[in-house]
PDB file of N, CA and C in Angstrom:
ATOM      1  N   MET A   1      65.153 -74.132 -21.256  1.00  0.00           N
ATOM      2  CA  MET A   1      65.583 -73.698 -22.571  1.00  0.00           C
ATOM      3  C   MET A   1      66.819 -74.497 -22.960  1.00  0.00           C
ATOM      4  N   GLY A   2      66.830 -74.970 -24.206  1.00  0.00           N
ATOM      5  CA  GLY A   2      67.956 -75.747 -24.709  1.00  0.00           C
ATOM      6  C   GLY A   2      69.110 -74.850 -25.109  1.00  0.00           C
ATOM      7  N   PRO A   3      70.143 -75.468 -25.628  1.00  0.00           N
ATOM      8  CA  PRO A   3      71.307 -74.681 -26.040  1.00  0.00           C
ATOM      9  C   PRO A   3      70.983 -73.805 -27.256  1.00  0.00           C
ATOM     10  N   ILE A   4      71.672 -72.701 -27.345  1.00  0.00           N
ATOM     11  CA  ILE A   4      71.501 -71.811 -28.491  1.00  0.00           C
ATOM     12  C   ILE A   4      72.305 -72.382 -29.649  1.00  0.00           C
ATOM     13  N   ILE A   5      71.652 -72.501 -30.787  1.00  0.00           N
ATOM     14  CA  ILE A   5      72.300 -73.054 -31.975  1.00  0.00           C
ATOM     15  C   ILE A   5      72.739 -71.902 -32.865  1.00  0.00           C
ATOM     16  N   LYS A   6      74.007 -71.885 -33.192  1.00  0.00           N
ATOM     17  CA  LYS A   6      74.529 -70.845 -34.076  1.00  0.00           C
ATOM     18  C   LYS A   6      74.333 -71.294 -35.521  1.00  0.00           C
ATOM     19  N   LEU A   7      73.673 -70.461 -36.310  1.00  0.00           N
ATOM     20  CA  LEU A   7      73.436 -70.746 -37.721  1.00  0.00           C
ATOM     21  C   LEU A   7      74.390 -69.933 -38.575  1.00  0.00           C
ATOM     22  N   ASP A   8      74.889 -70.553 -39.634  1.00  0.00           N
ATOM     23  CA  ASP A   8      75.644 -69.820 -40.633  1.00  0.00           C
ATOM     24  C   ASP A   8      74.627 -69.034 -41.447  1.00  0.00           C
ATOM     25  N   MET A   9      74.772 -67.719 -41.522  1.00  0.00           N
ATOM     26  CA  MET A   9      73.767 -66.892 -42.188  1.00  0.00           C
ATOM     27  C   MET A   9      74.416 -65.919 -43.168  1.00  0.00           C
ATOM     28  N   PRO A  10      74.981 -66.453 -44.253  1.00  0.00           N
ATOM     29  CA  PRO A  10      75.605 -65.557 -45.235  1.00  0.00           C
ATOM     30  C   PRO A  10      74.570 -64.742 -45.997  1.00  0.00           C
ATOM     31  N   ILE A  11      74.987 -63.598 -46.468  1.00  0.00           N
ATOM     32  CA  ILE A  11      74.134 -62.746 -47.294  1.00  0.00           C
ATOM     33  C   ILE A  11      74.150 -63.315 -48.704  1.00  0.00           C
ATOM     34  N   PRO A  12      72.972 -63.636 -49.262  1.00  0.00           N
ATOM     35  CA  PRO A  12      72.956 -64.227 -50.600  1.00  0.00           C
ATOM     36  C   PRO A  12      73.117 -63.180 -51.702  1.00  0.00           C
ATOM     37  N   ARG A  13      73.774 -63.575 -52.765  1.00  0.00           N
ATOM     38  CA  ARG A  13      73.785 -62.755 -53.979  1.00  0.00           C
ATOM     39  C   ARG A  13      72.424 -62.922 -54.646  1.00  0.00           C
ATOM     40  N   GLY A  14      72.100 -62.034 -55.556  1.00  0.00           N
ATOM     41  CA  GLY A  14      70.806 -62.088 -56.237  1.00  0.00           C
ATOM     42  C   GLY A  14      70.564 -63.406 -56.951  1.00  0.00           C
ATOM     43  N   ASP A  15      71.597 -63.947 -57.607  1.00  0.00           N
ATOM     44  CA  ASP A  15      71.421 -65.207 -58.323  1.00  0.00           C
ATOM     45  C   ASP A  15      71.211 -66.377 -57.371  1.00  0.00           C
ATOM     46  N   GLU A  16      71.818 -66.326 -56.187  1.00  0.00           N
ATOM     47  CA  GLU A  16      71.609 -67.379 -55.184  1.00  0.00           C
ATOM     48  C   GLU A  16      70.180 -67.335 -54.654  1.00  0.00           C
ATOM     49  N   LEU A  17      69.669 -66.136 -54.431  1.00  0.00           N
ATOM     50  CA  LEU A  17      68.293 -65.978 -53.956  1.00  0.00           C
ATOM     51  C   LEU A  17      67.309 -66.485 -55.011  1.00  0.00           C
ATOM     52  N   LYS A  18      67.550 -66.137 -56.262  1.00  0.00           N
ATOM     53  CA  LYS A  18      66.680 -66.592 -57.344  1.00  0.00           C
ATOM     54  C   LYS A  18      66.702 -68.114 -57.459  1.00  0.00           C
ATOM     55  N   THR A  19      67.874 -68.714 -57.365  1.00  0.00           N
ATOM     56  CA  THR A  19      67.993 -70.171 -57.443  1.00  0.00           C
ATOM     57  C   THR A  19      67.215 -70.838 -56.314  1.00  0.00           C
ATOM     58  N   ALA A  20      67.326 -70.302 -55.092  1.00  0.00           N
ATOM     59  CA  ALA A  20      66.607 -70.870 -53.942  1.00  0.00           C
ATOM     60  C   ALA A  20      65.097 -70.717 -54.117  1.00  0.00           C
ATOM     61  N   ARG A  21      64.669 -69.567 -54.617  1.00  0.00           N
ATOM     62  CA  ARG A  21      63.235 -69.341 -54.844  1.00  0.00           C
ATOM     63  C   ARG A  21      62.690 -70.312 -55.887  1.00  0.00           C
ATOM     64  N   MET A  22      63.418 -70.447 -56.963  1.00  0.00           N
ATOM     65  CA  MET A  22      62.964 -71.338 -58.037  1.00  0.00           C
ATOM     66  C   MET A  22      62.969 -72.798 -57.582  1.00  0.00           C
ATOM     67  N   ALA A  23      63.963 -73.185 -56.771  1.00  0.00           N
ATOM     68  CA  ALA A  23      64.009 -74.549 -56.240  1.00  0.00           C
ATOM     69  C   ALA A  23      62.811 -74.823 -55.339  1.00  0.00           C
ATOM     70  N   ALA A  24      62.311 -73.780 -54.697  1.00  0.00           N
ATOM     71  CA  ALA A  24      61.124 -73.918 -53.843  1.00  0.00           C
ATOM     72  C   ALA A  24      59.841 -73.926 -54.670  1.00  0.00           C
ATOM     73  N   GLY A  25      59.951 -73.632 -55.952  1.00  0.00           N
ATOM     74  CA  GLY A  25      58.766 -73.617 -56.814  1.00  0.00           C
ATOM     75  C   GLY A  25      57.882 -72.406 -56.600  1.00  0.00           C
ATOM     76  N   LEU A  26      58.478 -71.289 -56.195  1.00  0.00           N
ATOM     77  CA  LEU A  26      57.702 -70.092 -55.883  1.00  0.00           C
ATOM     78  C   LEU A  26      57.938 -68.997 -56.909  1.00  0.00           C
ATOM     79  N   SER A  27      56.896 -68.232 -57.178  1.00  0.00           N
ATOM     80  CA  SER A  27      57.055 -67.009 -57.968  1.00  0.00           C
ATOM     81  C   SER A  27      57.674 -65.953 -57.050  1.00  0.00           C
ATOM     82  N   GLN A  28      58.113 -64.850 -57.637  1.00  0.00           N
ATOM     83  CA  GLN A  28      58.638 -63.765 -56.806  1.00  0.00           C
ATOM     84  C   GLN A  28      57.569 -63.262 -55.839  1.00  0.00           C
ATOM     85  N   ALA A  29      56.336 -63.145 -56.303  1.00  0.00           N
ATOM     86  CA  ALA A  29      55.256 -62.654 -55.441  1.00  0.00           C
ATOM     87  C   ALA A  29      54.982 -63.630 -54.301  1.00  0.00           C
ATOM     88  N   GLN A  30      54.983 -64.923 -54.588  1.00  0.00           N
ATOM     89  CA  GLN A  30      54.746 -65.923 -53.535  1.00  0.00           C
ATOM     90  C   GLN A  30      55.868 -65.902 -52.499  1.00  0.00           C
ATOM     91  N   ALA A  31      57.103 -65.799 -52.968  1.00  0.00           N
ATOM     92  CA  ALA A  31      58.241 -65.751 -52.046  1.00  0.00           C
ATOM     93  C   ALA A  31      58.185 -64.489 -51.193  1.00  0.00           C
ATOM     94  N   ALA A  32      57.860 -63.373 -51.821  1.00  0.00           N
ATOM     95  CA  ALA A  32      57.754 -62.110 -51.086  1.00  0.00           C
ATOM     96  C   ALA A  32      56.675 -62.188 -50.013  1.00  0.00           C
ATOM     97  N   GLU A  33      55.538 -62.764 -50.373  1.00  0.00           N
ATOM     98  CA  GLU A  33      54.440 -62.901 -49.411  1.00  0.00           C
ATOM     99  C   GLU A  33      54.855 -63.798 -48.249  1.00  0.00           C
ATOM    100  N   LEU A  34      55.532 -64.901 -48.543  1.00  0.00           N
ATOM    101  CA  LEU A  34      56.004 -65.811 -47.497  1.00  0.00           C
ATOM    102  C   LEU A  34      56.894 -65.088 -46.493  1.00  0.00           C
ATOM    103  N   MET A  35      57.735 -64.183 -46.990  1.00  0.00           N
ATOM    104  CA  MET A  35      58.695 -63.502 -46.132  1.00  0.00           C
ATOM    105  C   MET A  35      58.212 -62.149 -45.616  1.00  0.00           C
ATOM    106  N   GLY A  36      56.972 -61.782 -45.940  1.00  0.00           N
ATOM    107  CA  GLY A  36      56.400 -60.554 -45.392  1.00  0.00           C
ATOM    108  C   GLY A  36      56.759 -59.286 -46.135  1.00  0.00           C
ATOM    109  N   TYR A  37      57.260 -59.407 -47.369  1.00  0.00           N
ATOM    110  CA  TYR A  37      57.538 -58.222 -48.173  1.00  0.00           C
ATOM    111  C   TYR A  37      56.244 -57.743 -48.816  1.00  0.00           C
ATOM    112  N   SER A  38      56.180 -56.465 -49.103  1.00  0.00           N
ATOM    113  CA  SER A  38      54.962 -55.898 -49.672  1.00  0.00           C
ATOM    114  C   SER A  38      54.784 -56.325 -51.128  1.00  0.00           C
ATOM    115  N   LEU A  39      53.515 -56.384 -51.523  1.00  0.00           N
ATOM    116  CA  LEU A  39      53.139 -56.718 -52.894  1.00  0.00           C
ATOM    117  C   LEU A  39      52.425 -55.523 -53.504  1.00  0.00           C
ATOM    118  N   GLN A  40      52.577 -55.359 -54.823  1.00  0.00           N
ATOM    119  CA  GLN A  40      51.903 -54.287 -55.541  1.00  0.00           C
ATOM    120  C   GLN A  40      51.240 -54.889 -56.776  1.00  0.00           C
ATOM    121  N   VAL A  41      50.251 -54.179 -57.291  1.00  0.00           N
ATOM    122  CA  VAL A  41      49.637 -54.568 -58.556  1.00  0.00           C
ATOM    123  C   VAL A  41      50.536 -54.028 -59.663  1.00  0.00           C
ATOM    124  N   GLY A  42      50.954 -54.918 -60.546  1.00  0.00           N
ATOM    125  CA  GLY A  42      51.837 -54.532 -61.634  1.00  0.00           C
ATOM    126  C   GLY A  42      51.102 -53.832 -62.758  1.00  0.00           C
ATOM    127  N   SER A  43      51.855 -53.371 -63.740  1.00  0.00           N
ATOM    128  CA  SER A  43      51.271 -52.621 -64.859  1.00  0.00           C
ATOM    129  C   SER A  43      50.347 -53.484 -65.706  1.00  0.00           C
ATOM    130  N   ARG A  44      50.520 -54.802 -65.669  1.00  0.00           N
ATOM    131  CA  ARG A  44      49.657 -55.702 -66.436  1.00  0.00           C
ATOM    132  C   ARG A  44      48.574 -56.341 -65.567  1.00  0.00           C
ATOM    133  N   GLY A  45      48.422 -55.837 -64.355  1.00  0.00           N
ATOM    134  CA  GLY A  45      47.361 -56.309 -63.485  1.00  0.00           C
ATOM    135  C   GLY A  45      47.756 -57.421 -62.529  1.00  0.00           C
ATOM    136  N   GLY A  46      48.883 -58.044 -62.738  1.00  0.00           N
ATOM    137  CA  GLY A  46      49.328 -59.111 -61.843  1.00  0.00           C
ATOM    138  C   GLY A  46      49.955 -58.551 -60.577  1.00  0.00           C
ATOM    139  N   VAL A  47      50.116 -59.409 -59.602  1.00  0.00           N
ATOM    140  CA  VAL A  47      50.732 -59.004 -58.338  1.00  0.00           C
ATOM    141  C   VAL A  47      52.241 -59.197 -58.454  1.00  0.00           C
ATOM    142  N   GLN A  48      52.989 -58.247 -57.920  1.00  0.00           N
ATOM    143  CA  GLN A  48      54.444 -58.336 -57.959  1.00  0.00           C
ATOM    144  C   GLN A  48      55.037 -57.750 -56.690  1.00  0.00           C
ATOM    145  N   SER A  49      56.308 -58.020 -56.490  1.00  0.00           N
ATOM    146  CA  SER A  49      57.037 -57.429 -55.367  1.00  0.00           C
ATOM    147  C   SER A  49      58.275 -56.746 -55.924  1.00  0.00           C
ATOM    148  N   ARG A  50      58.251 -55.441 -55.908  1.00  0.00           N
ATOM    149  CA  ARG A  50      59.418 -54.695 -56.393  1.00  0.00           C
ATOM    150  C   ARG A  50      60.619 -54.939 -55.492  1.00  0.00           C
ATOM    151  N   THR A  51      60.363 -55.139 -54.218  1.00  0.00           N
ATOM    152  CA  THR A  51      61.463 -55.408 -53.287  1.00  0.00           C
ATOM    153  C   THR A  51      62.145 -56.715 -53.649  1.00  0.00           C
ATOM    154  N   TRP A  52      61.360 -57.776 -53.868  1.00  0.00           N
ATOM    155  CA  TRP A  52      61.956 -59.075 -54.202  1.00  0.00           C
ATOM    156  C   TRP A  52      62.687 -58.991 -55.536  1.00  0.00           C
ATOM    157  N   GLN A  53      62.101 -58.277 -56.490  1.00  0.00           N
ATOM    158  CA  GLN A  53      62.757 -58.097 -57.789  1.00  0.00           C
ATOM    159  C   GLN A  53      64.128 -57.455 -57.603  1.00  0.00           C
ATOM    160  N   ALA A  54      64.191 -56.443 -56.760  1.00  0.00           N
ATOM    161  CA  ALA A  54      65.459 -55.752 -56.507  1.00  0.00           C
ATOM    162  C   ALA A  54      66.471 -56.678 -55.832  1.00  0.00           C
ATOM    163  N   LEU A  55      65.992 -57.513 -54.911  1.00  0.00           N
ATOM    164  CA  LEU A  55      66.900 -58.419 -54.204  1.00  0.00           C
ATOM    165  C   LEU A  55      67.519 -59.456 -55.146  1.00  0.00           C
ATOM    166  N   GLU A  56      66.786 -59.840 -56.182  1.00  0.00           N
ATOM    167  CA  GLU A  56      67.300 -60.803 -57.158  1.00  0.00           C
ATOM    168  C   GLU A  56      68.091 -60.142 -58.288  1.00  0.00           C
ATOM    169  N   SER A  57      67.976 -58.855 -58.439  1.00  0.00           N
ATOM    170  CA  SER A  57      68.589 -58.161 -59.559  1.00  0.00           C
ATOM    171  C   SER A  57      70.114 -58.115 -59.437  1.00  0.00           C
ATOM    172  N   PRO A  58      70.824 -58.454 -60.522  1.00  0.00           N
ATOM    173  CA  PRO A  58      72.282 -58.378 -60.481  1.00  0.00           C
ATOM    174  C   PRO A  58      72.796 -56.942 -60.520  1.00  0.00           C
ATOM    175  N   THR A  59      71.939 -55.984 -60.873  1.00  0.00           N
ATOM    176  CA  THR A  59      72.381 -54.590 -60.973  1.00  0.00           C
ATOM    177  C   THR A  59      71.965 -53.731 -59.788  1.00  0.00           C
ATOM    178  N   ASP A  60      71.201 -54.301 -58.856  1.00  0.00           N
ATOM    179  CA  ASP A  60      70.753 -53.542 -57.678  1.00  0.00           C
ATOM    180  C   ASP A  60      71.696 -53.847 -56.519  1.00  0.00           C
ATOM    181  N   ASP A  61      72.021 -52.820 -55.747  1.00  0.00           N
ATOM    182  CA  ASP A  61      72.955 -52.981 -54.623  1.00  0.00           C
ATOM    183  C   ASP A  61      72.327 -53.610 -53.395  1.00  0.00           C
ATOM    184  N   ARG A  62      70.995 -53.705 -53.359  1.00  0.00           N
ATOM    185  CA  ARG A  62      70.330 -54.250 -52.174  1.00  0.00           C
ATOM    186  C   ARG A  62      70.494 -55.768 -52.113  1.00  0.00           C
ATOM    187  N   ASN A  63      70.688 -56.274 -50.906  1.00  0.00           N
ATOM    188  CA  ASN A  63      70.785 -57.714 -50.678  1.00  0.00           C
ATOM    189  C   ASN A  63      69.872 -58.097 -49.529  1.00  0.00           C
ATOM    190  N   MET A  64      69.384 -59.329 -49.561  1.00  0.00           N
ATOM    191  CA  MET A  64      68.605 -59.853 -48.442  1.00  0.00           C
ATOM    192  C   MET A  64      69.563 -60.093 -47.272  1.00  0.00           C
ATOM    193  N   GLN A  65      69.145 -59.755 -46.085  1.00  0.00           N
ATOM    194  CA  GLN A  65      69.975 -59.996 -44.908  1.00  0.00           C
ATOM    195  C   GLN A  65      70.119 -61.496 -44.669  1.00  0.00           C
ATOM    196  N   GLY A  66      71.282 -61.892 -44.164  1.00  0.00           N
ATOM    197  CA  GLY A  66      71.571 -63.298 -43.929  1.00  0.00           C
ATOM    198  C   GLY A  66      70.542 -64.022 -43.072  1.00  0.00           C
ATOM    199  N   PRO A  67      70.116 -63.463 -41.922  1.00  0.00           N
ATOM    200  CA  PRO A  67      69.110 -64.151 -41.111  1.00  0.00           C
ATOM    201  C   PRO A  67      67.776 -64.351 -41.832  1.00  0.00           C
ATOM    202  N   ILE A  68      67.397 -63.410 -42.675  1.00  0.00           N
ATOM    203  CA  ILE A  68      66.148 -63.555 -43.419  1.00  0.00           C
ATOM    204  C   ILE A  68      66.296 -64.651 -44.467  1.00  0.00           C
ATOM    205  N   PHE A  69      67.465 -64.720 -45.123  1.00  0.00           N
ATOM    206  CA  PHE A  69      67.703 -65.778 -46.095  1.00  0.00           C
ATOM    207  C   PHE A  69      67.712 -67.142 -45.405  1.00  0.00           C
ATOM    208  N   ALA A  70      68.317 -67.223 -44.226  1.00  0.00           N
ATOM    209  CA  ALA A  70      68.319 -68.484 -43.473  1.00  0.00           C
ATOM    210  C   ALA A  70      66.887 -68.913 -43.157  1.00  0.00           C
ATOM    211  N   MET A  71      66.034 -67.970 -42.774  1.00  0.00           N
ATOM    212  CA  MET A  71      64.631 -68.292 -42.496  1.00  0.00           C
ATOM    213  C   MET A  71      63.916 -68.739 -43.772  1.00  0.00           C
ATOM    214  N   PHE A  72      64.209 -68.088 -44.900  1.00  0.00           N
ATOM    215  CA  PHE A  72      63.610 -68.504 -46.167  1.00  0.00           C
ATOM    216  C   PHE A  72      63.996 -69.953 -46.478  1.00  0.00           C
ATOM    217  N   LEU A  73      65.274 -70.276 -46.290  1.00  0.00           N
ATOM    218  CA  LEU A  73      65.728 -71.647 -46.538  1.00  0.00           C
ATOM    219  C   LEU A  73      65.047 -72.631 -45.591  1.00  0.00           C
ATOM    220  N   LEU A  74      64.881 -72.253 -44.334  1.00  0.00           N
ATOM    221  CA  LEU A  74      64.199 -73.118 -43.371  1.00  0.00           C
ATOM    222  C   LEU A  74      62.736 -73.315 -43.751  1.00  0.00           C
ATOM    223  N   LEU A  75      62.054 -72.228 -44.093  1.00  0.00           N
ATOM    224  CA  LEU A  75      60.634 -72.304 -44.427  1.00  0.00           C
ATOM    225  C   LEU A  75      60.359 -73.101 -45.692  1.00  0.00           C
ATOM    226  N   THR A  76      61.341 -73.124 -46.594  1.00  0.00           N
ATOM    227  CA  THR A  76      61.152 -73.848 -47.857  1.00  0.00           C
ATOM    228  C   THR A  76      61.856 -75.201 -47.859  1.00  0.00           C
ATOM    229  N   GLY A  77      62.364 -75.618 -46.704  1.00  0.00           N
ATOM    230  CA  GLY A  77      62.996 -76.934 -46.587  1.00  0.00           C
ATOM    231  C   GLY A  77      64.312 -77.066 -47.323  1.00  0.00           C
ATOM    232  N   GLN A  78      65.023 -75.967 -47.501  1.00  0.00           N
ATOM    233  CA  GLN A  78      66.270 -75.991 -48.250  1.00  0.00           C
ATOM    234  C   GLN A  78      67.521 -75.740 -47.415  1.00  0.00           C
ATOM    235  N   HIS A  79      67.368 -75.511 -46.123  1.00  0.00           N
ATOM    236  CA  HIS A  79      68.547 -75.223 -45.306  1.00  0.00           C
ATOM    237  C   HIS A  79      69.465 -76.448 -45.316  1.00  0.00           C
ATOM    238  N   PRO A  80      70.772 -76.249 -45.491  1.00  0.00           N
ATOM    239  CA  PRO A  80      71.685 -77.390 -45.606  1.00  0.00           C
ATOM    240  C   PRO A  80      71.878 -78.199 -44.324  1.00  0.00           C
ATOM    241  N   GLU A  81      71.556 -77.630 -43.166  1.00  0.00           N
ATOM    242  CA  GLU A  81      71.792 -78.335 -41.900  1.00  0.00           C
ATOM    243  C   GLU A  81      70.555 -78.573 -41.060  1.00  0.00           C
ATOM    244  N   PHE A  82      69.575 -77.677 -41.144  1.00  0.00           N
ATOM    245  CA  PHE A  82      68.460 -77.712 -40.214  1.00  0.00           C
ATOM    246  C   PHE A  82      67.120 -77.742 -40.935  1.00  0.00           C
ATOM    247  N   SER A  83      66.094 -78.184 -40.208  1.00  0.00           N
ATOM    248  CA  SER A  83      64.730 -78.132 -40.713  1.00  0.00           C
ATOM    249  C   SER A  83      63.814 -77.702 -39.582  1.00  0.00           C
ATOM    250  N   LEU A  84      62.697 -77.142 -39.946  1.00  0.00           N
ATOM    251  CA  LEU A  84      61.705 -76.747 -38.948  1.00  0.00           C
ATOM    252  C   LEU A  84      60.849 -77.958 -38.605  1.00  0.00           C
ATOM    253  N   VAL A  85      60.650 -78.153 -37.327  1.00  0.00           N
ATOM    254  CA  VAL A  85      59.820 -79.250 -36.847  1.00  0.00           C
ATOM    255  C   VAL A  85      58.839 -78.675 -35.846  1.00  0.00           C
ATOM    256  N   LYS A  86      57.577 -79.013 -36.007  1.00  0.00           N
ATOM    257  CA  LYS A  86      56.557 -78.518 -35.095  1.00  0.00           C
ATOM    258  C   LYS A  86      56.762 -79.149 -33.730  1.00  0.00           C
ATOM    259  N   LYS A  87      56.681 -78.321 -32.703  1.00  0.00           N
ATOM    260  CA  LYS A  87      56.805 -78.809 -31.338  1.00  0.00           C
ATOM    261  C   LYS A  87      55.582 -79.657 -30.976  1.00  0.00           C
ATOM    262  N   PRO A  88      55.771 -80.676 -30.160  1.00  0.00           N
ATOM    263  CA  PRO A  88      54.605 -81.446 -29.704  1.00  0.00           C
ATOM    264  C   PRO A  88      53.703 -80.558 -28.854  1.00  0.00           C
ATOM    265  N   SER A  89      52.433 -80.845 -28.891  1.00  0.00           N
ATOM    266  CA  SER A  89      51.471 -80.061 -28.133  1.00  0.00           C
ATOM    267  C   SER A  89      51.721 -80.256 -26.634  1.00  0.00           C
ATOM    268  N   THR A  90      51.614 -79.161 -25.920  1.00  0.00           N
ATOM    269  CA  THR A  90      51.730 -79.236 -24.451  1.00  0.00           C
ATOM    270  C   THR A  90      50.363 -79.118 -23.805  1.00  0.00           C
ATOM    271  N   ASP A  91      49.334 -79.208 -24.621  1.00  0.00           N
ATOM    272  CA  ASP A  91      47.950 -79.118 -24.137  1.00  0.00           C
ATOM    273  C   ASP A  91      47.634 -80.363 -23.302  1.00  0.00           C
ATOM    274  N   THR A  92      47.231 -80.182 -22.060  1.00  0.00           N
ATOM    275  CA  THR A  92      46.905 -81.322 -21.190  1.00  0.00           C
ATOM    276  C   THR A  92      45.403 -81.475 -20.990  1.00  0.00           C
ATOM    277  N   ASP A  93      44.616 -80.719 -21.759  1.00  0.00           N
ATOM    278  CA  ASP A  93      43.157 -80.805 -21.668  1.00  0.00           C
ATOM    279  C   ASP A  93      42.696 -82.140 -22.275  1.00  0.00           C
ATOM    280  N   PRO A  94      42.039 -83.024 -21.488  1.00  0.00           N
ATOM    281  CA  PRO A  94      41.665 -84.346 -21.998  1.00  0.00           C
ATOM    282  C   PRO A  94      40.517 -84.336 -22.993  1.00  0.00           C
ATOM    283  N   THR A  95      39.883 -83.190 -23.244  1.00  0.00           N
ATOM    284  CA  THR A  95      38.723 -83.154 -24.164  1.00  0.00           C
ATOM    285  C   THR A  95      39.115 -83.078 -25.594  1.00  0.00           C
TER     286      THR A  95
END
């Protein structure tokens, strides 16, 4: 096992979360699905995430936890220091 890397994981404000989501080119529903938040059918028939809406809302007290925001940034290629890289296969089967 390699060294443990300490990540800066600040809690984002709603406007910071919205900016990161929009920079990733994702709708609220797509971002919510990526991060495992629940989706509901909205009043107009579309899919929405009330949780994600609340996290972006300037009037709601709920905030996304810092580690979850760091993972969102990693998954969308926006983290300022790190990126996700697939590990090389350790499969030794010659077939």
